[in-house]
């Protein structure tokens, strides 16, 4: 944590949104790549392709979820799809029907422990799928209602161990399911313990109960008891600070190590004892360094290796820490 006043990194919101979508796409490819690599050691792998010709609403897929019932949900640029192993059921928006999706552009999918499927959209807020009615409940921003969503661009959705639902929108929202009210945590320039930046990119509760939040203005450690944030931001004078304020994936490996991917600063390993970071970056003179400093996804395989997805020409990287 730096002792200097926090200065948010200026990233245009529309650019952040494009990056979030690209991160989601890369994460899908990364998960498929790991499964394929592990299985390929014993048998020949073939991909079966599904496209609009097979009933998929759009060929650009942004989010994938297999729910507890076995259904595969696919969020695309134009609609939500539910696959039962044989065919797709497509859900779209209808401005004349409030029980449909509020937006066709799906950015995130999440299933809570009660089996509820939550859908984050671009411009349409948060949606919850009602299995019994085969319909959707909409949660949108209402400027006249302080208990509504903070914004209608919804990125990550996450349920913590206490059962609270957290949403990255225009800041961080906590949803109270009993009252159906949203409680907001946003950046406040007059409060040094407020959220660093309102562009929330990732949410993760680690094994110790620490709640980590990635933003486009740094990494946050959130104290839910008092509602304050501890900031981990880039300091050019400190080589052990996080390498970039533009945080994207936050990942905990099986040994409890926290890994943070950044847009422009490569990969970081967090040292809990010293609150410091070890940086892993692209080096043009080292062919075995990270392929690109724009890290979009992190996953661990059964051998403990990290698979790191990057943008542009950085490709897919395998790292044995």
Protein backbone atom coordinates (compact mmCIF):
# COMPACT_ATOMS: atom_id res chain seq x y z
CA UNK A 1 0.00 0.00 0.00
CA UNK A 2 1.48 3.30 -1.02
CA UNK A 3 1.46 6.31 1.26
CA UNK A 4 0.74 8.75 -1.54
CA UNK A 5 -2.73 10.14 -2.32
CA UNK A 6 -4.39 7.88 -4.85
CA UNK A 7 -4.62 9.18 -8.40
CA UNK A 8 -6.98 7.11 -10.58
CA UNK A 9 -5.52 5.90 -13.85
CA UNK A 10 -7.38 7.48 -16.71
CA UNK A 11 -8.82 4.76 -18.89
CA UNK A 12 -11.82 5.74 -21.04
CA UNK A 13 -14.93 3.82 -19.86
CA UNK A 14 -15.76 2.62 -23.35
CA UNK A 15 -12.22 1.22 -23.69
CA UNK A 16 -12.53 -0.52 -20.32
CA UNK A 17 -15.71 -2.15 -21.54
CA UNK A 18 -14.06 -3.45 -24.69
CA UNK A 19 -11.22 -4.84 -22.59
CA UNK A 20 -13.69 -6.53 -20.22
CA UNK A 21 -15.38 -8.27 -23.15
CA UNK A 22 -12.03 -9.38 -24.56
CA UNK A 23 -11.02 -10.69 -21.11
CA UNK A 24 -14.20 -12.74 -20.97
CA UNK A 25 -13.58 -14.20 -24.42
CA UNK A 26 -9.97 -15.06 -23.56
CA UNK A 27 -11.03 -16.71 -20.30
CA UNK A 28 -13.37 -19.01 -22.23
CA UNK A 29 -10.60 -20.03 -24.62
CA UNK A 30 -8.15 -20.49 -21.73
CA UNK A 31 -10.44 -22.88 -19.83
CA UNK A 32 -11.05 -24.91 -22.97
CA UNK A 33 -7.32 -25.01 -23.71
CA UNK A 34 -6.47 -26.40 -20.26
CA UNK A 35 -9.11 -29.11 -20.51
CA UNK A 36 -7.90 -30.01 -23.97
CA UNK A 37 -4.20 -30.08 -22.99
CA UNK A 38 -4.82 -32.37 -20.00
CA UNK A 39 -7.06 -34.76 -21.91
CA UNK A 40 -4.87 -34.81 -25.00
CA UNK A 41 -2.23 -36.77 -23.10
CA UNK A 42 -4.41 -39.88 -23.32
CA UNK A 43 -6.59 -39.53 -26.40
CA UNK A 44 -7.09 -37.68 -29.64
CA UNK A 45 -9.15 -34.53 -29.17
CA UNK A 46 -11.76 -33.32 -31.62
CA UNK A 47 -13.79 -30.14 -31.32
CA UNK A 48 -17.49 -30.15 -32.06
CA UNK A 49 -18.62 -26.78 -33.38
CA UNK A 50 -21.87 -24.98 -32.63
CA UNK A 51 -22.78 -21.82 -34.49
CA UNK A 52 -25.80 -19.83 -35.59
CA UNK A 53 -26.58 -22.63 -38.04
CA UNK A 54 -27.14 -24.91 -35.03
CA UNK A 55 -29.36 -22.45 -33.18
CA UNK A 56 -26.83 -20.29 -31.32
CA UNK A 57 -28.06 -16.70 -31.32
CA UNK A 58 -24.68 -15.18 -32.23
CA UNK A 59 -21.20 -16.48 -32.99
CA UNK A 60 -19.48 -14.08 -30.54
CA UNK A 61 -19.68 -15.69 -27.07
CA UNK A 62 -18.74 -13.55 -24.05
CA UNK A 63 -19.63 -15.80 -21.09
CA UNK A 64 -20.21 -19.50 -20.41
CA UNK A 65 -21.74 -21.19 -17.37
CA UNK A 66 -22.71 -24.79 -16.67
CA UNK A 67 -25.32 -24.68 -13.93
CA UNK A 68 -26.14 -27.19 -11.20
CA UNK A 69 -28.91 -28.68 -13.35
CA UNK A 70 -26.46 -29.52 -16.11
CA UNK A 71 -27.58 -26.84 -18.55
CA UNK A 72 -24.91 -24.89 -20.42
CA UNK A 73 -25.59 -21.17 -20.62
CA UNK A 74 -23.87 -19.11 -23.30
CA UNK A 75 -23.96 -15.32 -23.24
CA UNK A 76 -23.36 -13.73 -26.62
CA UNK A 77 -23.32 -10.36 -28.31
CA UNK A 78 -26.95 -10.94 -29.27
CA UNK A 79 -28.85 -12.95 -26.69
CA UNK A 80 -28.60 -15.62 -24.01
CA UNK A 81 -28.59 -19.30 -24.94
CA UNK A 82 -29.38 -22.39 -22.85
CA UNK A 83 -28.07 -25.68 -24.23
CA UNK A 84 -29.48 -29.00 -23.00
CA UNK A 85 -27.02 -31.17 -24.91
CA UNK A 86 -29.25 -31.37 -27.96
CA UNK A 87 -30.54 -27.92 -28.86
CA UNK A 88 -30.41 -24.26 -27.89
CA UNK A 89 -33.16 -22.23 -26.27
CA UNK A 90 -32.59 -18.56 -27.01
CA UNK A 91 -33.61 -15.76 -24.66
CA UNK A 92 -33.69 -12.22 -25.95
CA UNK A 93 -34.99 -8.79 -25.02
CA UNK A 94 -38.43 -7.42 -25.73
CA UNK A 95 -39.09 -3.79 -24.77
CA UNK A 96 -42.80 -4.59 -24.43
CA UNK A 97 -42.25 -7.50 -22.01
CA UNK A 98 -40.59 -6.78 -18.66
CA UNK A 99 -40.09 -10.50 -17.97
CA UNK A 100 -37.54 -10.78 -20.79
CA UNK A 101 -33.90 -9.72 -20.80
CA UNK A 102 -33.35 -5.97 -20.67
CA UNK A 103 -30.36 -6.20 -23.02
CA UNK A 104 -29.22 -8.76 -25.58
CA UNK A 105 -25.52 -8.18 -24.96
CA UNK A 106 -24.49 -10.59 -22.19
CA UNK A 107 -21.23 -9.89 -20.34
CA UNK A 108 -21.25 -12.24 -17.35
CA UNK A 109 -23.03 -15.31 -15.97
CA UNK A 110 -23.09 -16.58 -12.40
CA UNK A 111 -24.98 -19.24 -10.43
CA UNK A 112 -25.45 -18.73 -6.70
CA UNK A 113 -25.62 -21.49 -4.10
CA UNK A 114 -29.41 -21.49 -4.27
CA UNK A 115 -29.28 -22.31 -7.97
CA UNK A 116 -30.21 -18.84 -9.15
CA UNK A 117 -28.66 -17.78 -12.45
CA UNK A 118 -27.60 -14.14 -12.63
CA UNK A 119 -26.88 -12.35 -15.88
CA UNK A 120 -24.79 -9.21 -16.25
CA UNK A 121 -25.55 -7.18 -19.35
CA UNK A 122 -24.28 -4.17 -21.22
CA UNK A 123 -26.78 -1.37 -20.77
CA UNK A 124 -29.54 -3.53 -19.30
CA UNK A 125 -28.40 -3.95 -15.72
CA UNK A 126 -28.56 -7.21 -13.79
CA UNK A 127 -31.05 -10.00 -14.50
CA UNK A 128 -32.08 -13.06 -12.48
CA UNK A 129 -33.52 -16.09 -14.21
CA UNK A 130 -36.66 -17.56 -12.59
CA UNK A 131 -36.65 -21.27 -13.40
CA UNK A 132 -40.23 -21.84 -12.25
CA UNK A 133 -41.63 -19.18 -14.58
CA UNK A 134 -38.97 -19.39 -17.30
CA UNK A 135 -38.67 -15.62 -17.13
CA UNK A 136 -36.33 -12.89 -15.91
CA UNK A 137 -36.36 -10.38 -13.09
CA UNK A 138 -34.73 -7.08 -14.03
CA UNK A 139 -32.60 -4.95 -11.73
CA UNK A 140 -31.67 -1.64 -13.31
CA UNK A 141 -30.37 1.76 -12.32
CA UNK A 142 -33.08 4.25 -11.41
CA UNK A 143 -31.79 7.80 -10.79
CA UNK A 144 -34.82 8.43 -8.56
CA UNK A 145 -34.22 5.36 -6.37
CA UNK A 146 -31.04 5.35 -4.24
CA UNK A 147 -31.50 1.62 -3.54
CA UNK A 148 -31.40 0.63 -7.21
CA UNK A 149 -28.37 -0.61 -9.14
CA UNK A 150 -25.50 1.86 -9.37
CA UNK A 151 -25.30 1.43 -13.14
CA UNK A 152 -26.59 -0.67 -16.03
CA UNK A 153 -23.23 -1.89 -17.29
CA UNK A 154 -22.72 -5.05 -15.21
CA UNK A 155 -19.44 -6.94 -15.16
CA UNK A 156 -18.52 -9.51 -12.50
CA UNK A 157 -21.14 -11.07 -10.20
CA UNK A 158 -19.96 -12.95 -7.09
CA UNK A 159 -21.43 -14.61 -4.00
CA UNK A 160 -19.27 -14.57 -0.88
CA UNK A 161 -19.16 -17.25 1.83
CA UNK A 162 -21.80 -15.39 3.86
CA UNK A 163 -24.21 -15.59 0.93
CA UNK A 164 -24.06 -11.91 0.03
CA UNK A 165 -24.22 -11.10 -3.67
CA UNK A 166 -21.71 -8.57 -5.00
CA UNK A 167 -21.86 -6.89 -8.39
CA UNK A 168 -19.41 -4.79 -10.33
CA UNK A 169 -21.37 -1.97 -11.96
CA UNK A 170 -20.72 1.76 -11.60
CA UNK A 171 -18.70 0.95 -8.51
CA UNK A 172 -19.33 -2.02 -6.22
CA UNK A 173 -22.87 -3.04 -5.26
CA UNK A 174 -24.07 -5.41 -2.54
CA UNK A 175 -27.52 -6.87 -3.07
CA UNK A 176 -29.77 -7.56 -0.08
CA UNK A 177 -32.06 -10.36 -1.26
CA UNK A 178 -34.60 -9.88 1.53
CA UNK A 179 -35.24 -6.20 0.86
CA UNK A 180 -34.08 -6.27 -2.79
CA UNK A 181 -32.02 -3.18 -2.11
CA UNK A 182 -28.58 -2.41 -3.51
CA UNK A 183 -25.94 -0.89 -1.24
CA UNK A 184 -23.27 1.10 -3.05
CA UNK A 185 -19.53 1.47 -2.56
CA UNK A 186 -18.07 4.07 -4.89
CA UNK A 187 -15.01 6.21 -5.31
CA UNK A 188 -15.12 9.37 -3.21
CA UNK A 189 -12.29 11.83 -3.82
CA UNK A 190 -12.67 13.18 -0.28
CA UNK A 191 -12.36 9.74 1.34
CA UNK A 192 -8.99 7.97 1.03
CA UNK A 193 -10.56 4.69 2.20
CA UNK A 194 -13.24 4.60 -0.49
CA UNK A 195 -13.09 2.46 -3.63
CA UNK A 196 -10.16 3.53 -5.83
CA UNK A 197 -12.07 3.46 -9.09
CA UNK A 198 -15.66 2.74 -10.11
CA UNK A 199 -14.70 0.39 -12.94
CA UNK A 200 -14.78 -3.00 -11.15
CA UNK A 201 -13.22 -5.80 -13.18
CA UNK A 202 -12.97 -8.79 -10.80
CA UNK A 203 -14.18 -10.05 -7.42
CA UNK A 204 -12.70 -12.81 -5.26
CA UNK A 205 -12.94 -13.98 -1.65
CA UNK A 206 -9.86 -15.96 -0.66
CA UNK A 207 -9.56 -18.90 1.73
CA UNK A 208 -8.88 -16.56 4.64
CA UNK A 209 -12.07 -14.59 4.05
CA UNK A 210 -10.28 -11.60 2.50
CA UNK A 211 -12.34 -9.94 -0.21
CA UNK A 212 -10.29 -8.75 -3.19
CA UNK A 213 -11.53 -6.36 -5.84
CA UNK A 214 -9.84 -5.61 -9.12
CA UNK A 215 -10.47 -2.17 -10.58
CA UNK A 216 -9.05 -0.05 -13.35
CA UNK A 217 -7.48 2.03 -10.58
CA UNK A 218 -5.67 -0.67 -8.62
CA UNK A 219 -6.20 -3.72 -6.43
CA UNK A 220 -8.49 -3.36 -3.41
CA UNK A 221 -8.74 -5.30 -0.15
CA UNK A 222 -12.24 -4.67 1.16
CA UNK A 223 -13.14 -4.65 4.85
CA UNK A 224 -16.84 -5.52 4.68
CA UNK A 225 -17.31 -4.88 8.40
CA UNK A 226 -16.57 -1.16 8.22
CA UNK A 227 -16.93 -0.61 4.47
CA UNK A 228 -13.38 0.60 3.87
CA UNK A 229 -10.83 -0.29 1.20
CA UNK A 230 -7.10 -0.81 1.42
CA UNK A 231 -5.45 0.20 -1.83
CA UNK A 232 -2.58 -1.52 -3.59
CA UNK A 233 -1.51 0.83 -6.36
CA UNK A 234 1.43 1.23 -8.68
CA UNK A 235 4.30 3.35 -7.40
CA UNK A 236 7.07 4.08 -9.90
CA UNK A 237 9.53 4.49 -7.03
CA UNK A 238 8.72 1.09 -5.52
CA UNK A 239 9.63 -1.98 -7.62
CA UNK A 240 7.68 -4.16 -5.17
CA UNK A 241 4.41 -2.34 -5.75
CA UNK A 242 1.85 -3.74 -8.17
CA UNK A 243 3.06 -3.30 -11.74
CA UNK A 244 -0.03 -1.48 -13.05
CA UNK A 245 -3.25 0.04 -11.70
CA UNK A 246 -5.29 -1.53 -14.48
CA UNK A 247 -6.17 -4.80 -12.70
CA UNK A 248 -8.13 -7.48 -14.56
CA UNK A 249 -8.08 -11.12 -13.36
CA UNK A 250 -7.56 -11.82 -9.65
CA UNK A 251 -6.83 -15.50 -9.07
CA UNK A 252 -6.01 -17.68 -6.06
CA UNK A 253 -4.00 -20.83 -6.76
CA UNK A 254 -4.46 -24.03 -4.75
CA UNK A 255 -1.55 -23.20 -2.44
CA UNK A 256 -3.22 -19.91 -1.46
CA UNK A 257 -1.04 -17.62 -3.58
CA UNK A 258 -2.81 -14.59 -5.02
CA UNK A 259 -2.04 -13.81 -8.66
CA UNK A 260 -3.07 -10.55 -10.28
CA UNK A 261 -3.14 -9.93 -14.00
CA UNK A 262 -2.94 -6.38 -15.28
CA UNK A 263 -3.50 -4.56 -18.53
CA UNK A 264 -0.05 -3.30 -19.41
CA UNK A 265 1.88 -4.46 -16.34
CA UNK A 266 1.96 -8.21 -16.83
CA UNK A 267 1.47 -10.73 -14.02
CA UNK A 268 1.94 -10.10 -10.29
CA UNK A 269 2.34 -12.49 -7.33
CA UNK A 270 1.22 -11.07 -4.00
CA UNK A 271 3.28 -11.70 -0.86
CA UNK A 272 0.84 -11.69 2.07
CA UNK A 273 3.59 -11.36 4.71
CA UNK A 274 5.12 -8.19 3.26
CA UNK A 275 2.17 -6.76 1.29
CA UNK A 276 4.47 -6.62 -1.72
CA UNK A 277 4.39 -7.91 -5.28
CA UNK A 278 6.71 -9.88 -7.53
CA UNK A 279 6.34 -8.89 -11.16
CA UNK A 280 6.47 -11.14 -14.21
CA UNK A 281 6.64 -9.12 -17.39
CA UNK A 282 7.31 -9.38 -21.07
CA UNK A 283 10.96 -8.93 -22.02
CA UNK A 284 11.66 -8.52 -25.71
CA UNK A 285 15.14 -9.99 -25.16
CA UNK A 286 13.88 -13.06 -23.30
CA UNK A 287 11.83 -15.53 -25.37
CA UNK A 288 10.84 -17.36 -22.17
CA UNK A 289 9.30 -14.30 -20.55
CA UNK A 290 5.58 -13.52 -20.55
CA UNK A 291 4.34 -13.19 -24.12
CA UNK A 292 2.52 -9.91 -23.52
CA UNK A 293 1.97 -7.55 -20.57
CA UNK A 294 -1.79 -7.41 -21.17
CA UNK A 295 -3.01 -10.33 -19.04
CA UNK A 296 -6.64 -11.29 -19.57
CA UNK A 297 -7.11 -14.63 -17.77
CA UNK A 298 -5.39 -16.96 -15.29
CA UNK A 299 -6.14 -20.64 -14.58
CA UNK A 300 -4.27 -23.41 -12.75
CA UNK A 301 -4.06 -26.95 -14.11
CA UNK A 302 -3.87 -30.24 -12.16
CA UNK A 303 -0.07 -30.06 -12.12
CA UNK A 304 -0.03 -26.67 -10.41
CA UNK A 305 1.02 -24.76 -13.50
CA UNK A 306 -0.55 -21.42 -14.32
CA UNK A 307 -2.01 -20.84 -17.74
CA UNK A 308 -1.93 -17.14 -18.51
CA UNK A 309 -3.97 -15.70 -21.35
CA UNK A 310 -2.83 -12.46 -22.95
CA UNK A 311 -4.05 -10.06 -25.60
CA UNK A 312 -2.80 -9.38 -29.08
CA UNK A 313 0.19 -11.57 -30.04
CA UNK A 314 1.09 -12.67 -26.53
CA UNK A 315 -0.86 -15.88 -26.93
CA UNK A 316 -1.28 -18.49 -24.21
CA UNK A 317 1.51 -18.85 -21.65
CA UNK A 318 2.26 -21.76 -19.31
CA UNK A 319 4.08 -20.78 -16.13
CA UNK A 320 5.40 -23.18 -13.49
CA UNK A 321 5.89 -21.04 -10.35
